Amino acid sequence: MRIPEFVYLLPFLVLLILGNLQSEKMGAAKLSGMQKQVLSLYRGFLRAARSKPTEDRKRIESIVSTEFRHNSKEVDRKNFQYIEYLLRLGTKQLDQLKSPDIVSLSSVKVVASKT
């Protein structure tokens, strides 16, 4: 069985998602409950993508990776209320993606005008 390429990137992406973690003496990082939820949601999207056709799978993985990276950089880690909102939104999107009728994801980039 061949392991998909994105699996090799998972540790790198997890670090981007979860930010700088404090490690213990043994080198193992303890994750907060919210960090575990974010990681679980990310894994859920990757699992759901596996059930889609190859072209759509790659597109889904790309969109999910981009969104998680963007949020890891833009969202303040102490803004728990907003992070919980994103988790709820992501869970709803994941439930929709798991539906056999849904083939792919789409992404819309909104840019605010400064006029």
N, C-alpha and C. Protein backbone atom coordinates (compact mmCIF):
# COMPACT_ATOMS: atom_id res chain seq x y z
N MET A 1 0.84 -1.19 0.00
CA MET A 1 0.00 0.00 0.00
C MET A 1 0.89 1.25 0.00
N ARG A 2 0.63 2.14 -0.92
CA ARG A 2 1.42 3.37 -1.06
C ARG A 2 0.86 4.45 -0.15
N ILE A 3 1.73 5.14 0.57
CA ILE A 3 1.32 6.22 1.46
C ILE A 3 1.27 7.51 0.66
N PRO A 4 0.12 8.23 0.71
CA PRO A 4 0.01 9.50 -0.03
C PRO A 4 1.05 10.52 0.42
N GLU A 5 1.43 11.41 -0.50
CA GLU A 5 2.47 12.40 -0.24
C GLU A 5 2.11 13.35 0.90
N PHE A 6 0.82 13.68 1.04
CA PHE A 6 0.46 14.67 2.05
C PHE A 6 0.70 14.15 3.46
N VAL A 7 0.76 12.83 3.64
CA VAL A 7 1.01 12.28 4.96
C VAL A 7 2.40 12.69 5.46
N TYR A 8 3.36 12.79 4.54
CA TYR A 8 4.71 13.19 4.92
C TYR A 8 4.76 14.66 5.37
N LEU A 9 3.84 15.46 4.87
CA LEU A 9 3.80 16.87 5.23
C LEU A 9 3.03 17.13 6.52
N LEU A 10 2.31 16.12 7.00
CA LEU A 10 1.45 16.30 8.16
C LEU A 10 2.16 16.88 9.37
N PRO A 11 3.34 16.37 9.78
CA PRO A 11 3.98 16.99 10.96
C PRO A 11 4.28 18.48 10.76
N PHE A 12 4.70 18.86 9.57
CA PHE A 12 4.98 20.26 9.27
C PHE A 12 3.70 21.08 9.36
N LEU A 13 2.62 20.57 8.80
CA LEU A 13 1.36 21.29 8.82
C LEU A 13 0.80 21.41 10.24
N VAL A 14 0.98 20.35 11.02
CA VAL A 14 0.51 20.39 12.40
C VAL A 14 1.21 21.50 13.17
N LEU A 15 2.51 21.65 12.95
CA LEU A 15 3.25 22.73 13.62
C LEU A 15 2.74 24.09 13.18
N LEU A 16 2.42 24.22 11.90
CA LEU A 16 1.87 25.50 11.43
C LEU A 16 0.52 25.78 12.07
N ILE A 17 -0.31 24.74 12.18
CA ILE A 17 -1.66 24.91 12.71
C ILE A 17 -1.62 25.24 14.20
N LEU A 18 -0.81 24.52 14.92
CA LEU A 18 -0.84 24.63 16.36
C LEU A 18 0.11 25.69 16.91
N GLY A 19 0.96 26.22 16.08
CA GLY A 19 1.87 27.26 16.52
C GLY A 19 3.02 26.70 17.34
N ASN A 20 3.72 27.57 18.00
CA ASN A 20 4.86 27.17 18.82
C ASN A 20 4.35 26.52 20.10
N LEU A 21 4.74 25.28 20.31
CA LEU A 21 4.30 24.55 21.49
C LEU A 21 5.44 24.46 22.50
N GLN A 22 5.10 24.53 23.76
CA GLN A 22 6.08 24.34 24.82
C GLN A 22 6.30 22.85 24.97
N SER A 23 7.55 22.41 24.90
CA SER A 23 7.83 20.99 25.05
C SER A 23 8.28 20.71 26.47
N GLU A 24 8.02 19.48 26.91
CA GLU A 24 8.44 19.07 28.24
C GLU A 24 9.88 18.58 28.18
N LYS A 25 10.41 18.16 29.31
CA LYS A 25 11.78 17.69 29.38
C LYS A 25 12.05 16.55 28.42
N MET A 26 11.07 15.68 28.21
CA MET A 26 11.24 14.52 27.34
C MET A 26 11.12 14.90 25.87
N GLY A 27 10.75 16.11 25.57
CA GLY A 27 10.64 16.55 24.19
C GLY A 27 9.24 16.38 23.62
N ALA A 28 8.33 15.81 24.38
CA ALA A 28 6.96 15.61 23.91
C ALA A 28 6.14 16.85 24.24
N ALA A 29 5.34 17.29 23.29
CA ALA A 29 4.52 18.48 23.49
C ALA A 29 3.15 18.08 24.02
N LYS A 30 2.66 18.85 24.98
CA LYS A 30 1.30 18.65 25.48
C LYS A 30 0.38 19.59 24.73
N LEU A 31 -0.71 19.05 24.23
CA LEU A 31 -1.66 19.86 23.48
C LEU A 31 -2.83 20.23 24.37
N SER A 32 -3.32 21.45 24.19
CA SER A 32 -4.52 21.86 24.90
C SER A 32 -5.72 21.18 24.25
N GLY A 33 -6.85 21.25 24.92
CA GLY A 33 -8.08 20.66 24.37
C GLY A 33 -8.46 21.26 23.04
N MET A 34 -8.30 22.58 22.93
CA MET A 34 -8.66 23.25 21.68
C MET A 34 -7.70 22.86 20.55
N GLN A 35 -6.42 22.73 20.87
CA GLN A 35 -5.44 22.31 19.86
C GLN A 35 -5.76 20.91 19.38
N LYS A 36 -6.19 20.04 20.28
CA LYS A 36 -6.58 18.68 19.89
C LYS A 36 -7.80 18.72 18.97
N GLN A 37 -8.73 19.62 19.24
CA GLN A 37 -9.91 19.75 18.39
C GLN A 37 -9.53 20.22 16.99
N VAL A 38 -8.61 21.18 16.91
CA VAL A 38 -8.16 21.69 15.61
C VAL A 38 -7.49 20.57 14.82
N LEU A 39 -6.62 19.85 15.48
CA LEU A 39 -5.92 18.75 14.83
C LEU A 39 -6.89 17.66 14.38
N SER A 40 -7.87 17.35 15.21
CA SER A 40 -8.88 16.35 14.87
C SER A 40 -9.70 16.79 13.65
N LEU A 41 -10.05 18.07 13.61
CA LEU A 41 -10.80 18.59 12.47
C LEU A 41 -9.97 18.49 11.20
N TYR A 42 -8.70 18.85 11.28
CA TYR A 42 -7.81 18.78 10.13
C TYR A 42 -7.71 17.34 9.61
N ARG A 43 -7.50 16.41 10.53
CA ARG A 43 -7.44 14.99 10.15
C ARG A 43 -8.75 14.52 9.54
N GLY A 44 -9.86 15.01 10.08
CA GLY A 44 -11.17 14.64 9.55
C GLY A 44 -11.32 15.07 8.10
N PHE A 45 -10.86 16.27 7.78
CA PHE A 45 -10.91 16.74 6.39
C PHE A 45 -10.06 15.86 5.49
N LEU A 46 -8.87 15.48 5.96
CA LEU A 46 -8.01 14.62 5.14
C LEU A 46 -8.64 13.25 4.94
N ARG A 47 -9.28 12.71 5.96
CA ARG A 47 -9.95 11.42 5.81
C ARG A 47 -11.12 11.52 4.84
N ALA A 48 -11.90 12.59 4.95
CA ALA A 48 -13.05 12.78 4.05
C ALA A 48 -12.57 12.94 2.61
N ALA A 49 -11.43 13.59 2.43
CA ALA A 49 -10.90 13.79 1.07
C ALA A 49 -10.55 12.46 0.41
N ARG A 50 -10.15 11.48 1.22
CA ARG A 50 -9.77 10.17 0.67
C ARG A 50 -10.93 9.47 -0.02
N SER A 51 -12.16 9.82 0.35
CA SER A 51 -13.33 9.16 -0.24
C SER A 51 -13.76 9.81 -1.56
N LYS A 52 -13.07 10.84 -1.97
CA LYS A 52 -13.42 11.57 -3.20
C LYS A 52 -12.49 11.15 -4.35
N PRO A 53 -12.88 11.43 -5.59
CA PRO A 53 -12.02 11.12 -6.75
C PRO A 53 -10.66 11.84 -6.63
N THR A 54 -9.65 11.29 -7.29
CA THR A 54 -8.28 11.78 -7.15
C THR A 54 -8.13 13.27 -7.41
N GLU A 55 -8.69 13.76 -8.52
CA GLU A 55 -8.57 15.20 -8.83
C GLU A 55 -9.19 16.05 -7.74
N ASP A 56 -10.38 15.65 -7.30
CA ASP A 56 -11.07 16.41 -6.25
C ASP A 56 -10.34 16.29 -4.93
N ARG A 57 -9.77 15.13 -4.65
CA ARG A 57 -9.02 14.92 -3.41
C ARG A 57 -7.88 15.90 -3.30
N LYS A 58 -7.11 16.05 -4.37
CA LYS A 58 -5.98 16.97 -4.35
C LYS A 58 -6.44 18.41 -4.14
N ARG A 59 -7.53 18.76 -4.77
CA ARG A 59 -8.08 20.12 -4.64
C ARG A 59 -8.55 20.36 -3.20
N ILE A 60 -9.24 19.37 -2.63
CA ILE A 60 -9.73 19.48 -1.26
C ILE A 60 -8.55 19.64 -0.29
N GLU A 61 -7.54 18.80 -0.46
CA GLU A 61 -6.37 18.87 0.42
C GLU A 61 -5.69 20.23 0.31
N SER A 62 -5.63 20.76 -0.89
CA SER A 62 -5.01 22.07 -1.10
C SER A 62 -5.81 23.17 -0.40
N ILE A 63 -7.11 23.15 -0.56
CA ILE A 63 -7.96 24.17 0.07
C ILE A 63 -7.87 24.08 1.59
N VAL A 64 -7.97 22.87 2.12
CA VAL A 64 -7.92 22.67 3.57
C VAL A 64 -6.57 23.15 4.11
N SER A 65 -5.50 22.75 3.47
CA SER A 65 -4.16 23.15 3.90
C SER A 65 -4.02 24.67 3.89
N THR A 66 -4.47 25.31 2.82
CA THR A 66 -4.39 26.76 2.70
C THR A 66 -5.19 27.46 3.79
N GLU A 67 -6.40 26.98 4.05
CA GLU A 67 -7.25 27.60 5.07
C GLU A 67 -6.64 27.46 6.47
N PHE A 68 -6.15 26.27 6.78
CA PHE A 68 -5.56 26.06 8.10
C PHE A 68 -4.29 26.89 8.26
N ARG A 69 -3.47 26.96 7.24
CA ARG A 69 -2.25 27.79 7.31
C ARG A 69 -2.62 29.26 7.50
N HIS A 70 -3.58 29.73 6.72
CA HIS A 70 -4.01 31.13 6.81
C HIS A 70 -4.48 31.45 8.23
N ASN A 71 -5.35 30.58 8.77
CA ASN A 71 -5.88 30.83 10.10
C ASN A 71 -4.81 30.71 11.18
N SER A 72 -3.82 29.84 10.96
CA SER A 72 -2.77 29.71 11.98
C SER A 72 -1.93 30.98 12.07
N LYS A 73 -1.85 31.72 10.96
CA LYS A 73 -1.07 32.96 10.96
C LYS A 73 -1.90 34.18 11.34
N GLU A 74 -3.15 34.19 10.96
CA GLU A 74 -3.97 35.39 11.11
C GLU A 74 -4.79 35.46 12.40
N VAL A 75 -5.12 34.31 12.98
CA VAL A 75 -6.00 34.31 14.15
C VAL A 75 -5.14 34.34 15.42
N ASP A 76 -5.49 35.26 16.31
CA ASP A 76 -4.81 35.36 17.59
C ASP A 76 -5.10 34.11 18.41
N ARG A 77 -4.08 33.44 18.91
CA ARG A 77 -4.24 32.18 19.64
C ARG A 77 -4.98 32.35 20.96
N LYS A 78 -5.13 33.57 21.42
CA LYS A 78 -5.85 33.81 22.67
C LYS A 78 -7.31 34.21 22.43
N ASN A 79 -7.69 34.30 21.17
CA ASN A 79 -9.07 34.64 20.83
C ASN A 79 -9.90 33.35 20.77
N PHE A 80 -10.18 32.79 21.95
CA PHE A 80 -10.82 31.48 22.03
C PHE A 80 -12.22 31.47 21.44
N GLN A 81 -12.92 32.57 21.59
CA GLN A 81 -14.28 32.64 21.08
C GLN A 81 -14.29 32.50 19.54
N TYR A 82 -13.37 33.19 18.88
CA TYR A 82 -13.30 33.11 17.42
C TYR A 82 -12.81 31.73 16.96
N ILE A 83 -11.87 31.16 17.70
CA ILE A 83 -11.37 29.83 17.35
C ILE A 83 -12.49 28.80 17.49
N GLU A 84 -13.30 28.92 18.55
CA GLU A 84 -14.44 28.02 18.72
C GLU A 84 -15.44 28.18 17.58
N TYR A 85 -15.66 29.42 17.14
CA TYR A 85 -16.52 29.67 15.99
C TYR A 85 -15.98 28.97 14.75
N LEU A 86 -14.66 29.11 14.50
CA LEU A 86 -14.05 28.46 13.34
C LEU A 86 -14.17 26.94 13.44
N LEU A 87 -14.02 26.40 14.64
CA LEU A 87 -14.17 24.95 14.83
C LEU A 87 -15.60 24.50 14.49
N ARG A 88 -16.60 25.26 14.95
CA ARG A 88 -17.99 24.91 14.64
C ARG A 88 -18.25 25.00 13.14
N LEU A 89 -17.75 26.07 12.53
CA LEU A 89 -17.91 26.24 11.09
C LEU A 89 -17.23 25.11 10.33
N GLY A 90 -16.01 24.76 10.73
CA GLY A 90 -15.27 23.69 10.08
C GLY A 90 -15.97 22.35 10.24
N THR A 91 -16.56 22.10 11.42
CA THR A 91 -17.27 20.85 11.65
C THR A 91 -18.47 20.74 10.73
N LYS A 92 -19.19 21.84 10.55
CA LYS A 92 -20.34 21.83 9.62
C LYS A 92 -19.88 21.57 8.19
N GLN A 93 -18.79 22.21 7.79
CA GLN A 93 -18.27 22.00 6.44
C GLN A 93 -17.80 20.56 6.26
N LEU A 94 -17.19 19.99 7.29
CA LEU A 94 -16.73 18.60 7.22
C LEU A 94 -17.92 17.65 7.08
N ASP A 95 -18.98 17.90 7.84
CA ASP A 95 -20.19 17.06 7.72
C ASP A 95 -20.75 17.12 6.31
N GLN A 96 -20.74 18.30 5.71
CA GLN A 96 -21.22 18.43 4.33
C GLN A 96 -20.30 17.68 3.37
N LEU A 97 -19.00 17.77 3.57
CA LEU A 97 -18.05 17.12 2.69
C LEU A 97 -18.16 15.60 2.76
N LYS A 98 -18.52 15.08 3.92
CA LYS A 98 -18.66 13.63 4.09
C LYS A 98 -19.85 13.06 3.31
N SER A 99 -20.78 13.91 2.92
CA SER A 99 -21.94 13.46 2.17
C SER A 99 -21.50 12.90 0.82
N PRO A 100 -22.05 11.75 0.42
CA PRO A 100 -21.65 11.17 -0.87
C PRO A 100 -22.07 12.03 -2.07
N ASP A 101 -23.04 12.90 -1.88
CA ASP A 101 -23.50 13.77 -2.96
C ASP A 101 -22.52 14.90 -3.25
N ILE A 102 -21.70 15.27 -2.27
CA ILE A 102 -20.73 16.35 -2.43
C ILE A 102 -19.47 15.79 -3.05
N VAL A 103 -19.02 16.44 -4.12
CA VAL A 103 -17.85 15.95 -4.84
C VAL A 103 -16.59 16.71 -4.44
N SER A 104 -16.71 18.02 -4.18
CA SER A 104 -15.52 18.83 -3.93
C SER A 104 -15.85 20.01 -3.04
N LEU A 105 -14.82 20.77 -2.71
CA LEU A 105 -14.95 22.02 -1.96
C LEU A 105 -14.68 23.19 -2.89
N SER A 106 -15.15 24.34 -2.48
CA SER A 106 -14.76 25.55 -3.21
C SER A 106 -14.30 26.56 -2.18
N SER A 107 -13.54 27.50 -2.67
CA SER A 107 -12.99 28.53 -1.78
C SER A 107 -13.19 29.88 -2.44
N VAL A 108 -13.62 30.84 -1.64
CA VAL A 108 -13.84 32.19 -2.14
C VAL A 108 -12.94 33.12 -1.35
N LYS A 109 -12.17 33.92 -2.05
CA LYS A 109 -11.31 34.90 -1.39
C LYS A 109 -11.97 36.26 -1.52
N VAL A 110 -12.28 36.88 -0.39
CA VAL A 110 -12.92 38.19 -0.37
C VAL A 110 -11.86 39.22 0.01
N VAL A 111 -11.71 40.23 -0.84
CA VAL A 111 -10.75 41.29 -0.59
C VAL A 111 -11.53 42.57 -0.38
N ALA A 112 -11.30 43.21 0.75
CA ALA A 112 -12.00 44.46 1.06
C ALA A 112 -11.37 45.61 0.28
N SER A 113 -12.21 46.41 -0.30
CA SER A 113 -11.74 47.56 -1.05
C SER A 113 -11.47 48.72 -0.08
N LYS A 114 -10.43 49.50 -0.36
CA LYS A 114 -10.07 50.63 0.52
C LYS A 114 -10.53 51.96 -0.06
N THR A 115 -11.63 51.96 -0.78
CA THR A 115 -12.14 53.21 -1.32
C THR A 115 -13.24 53.79 -0.51
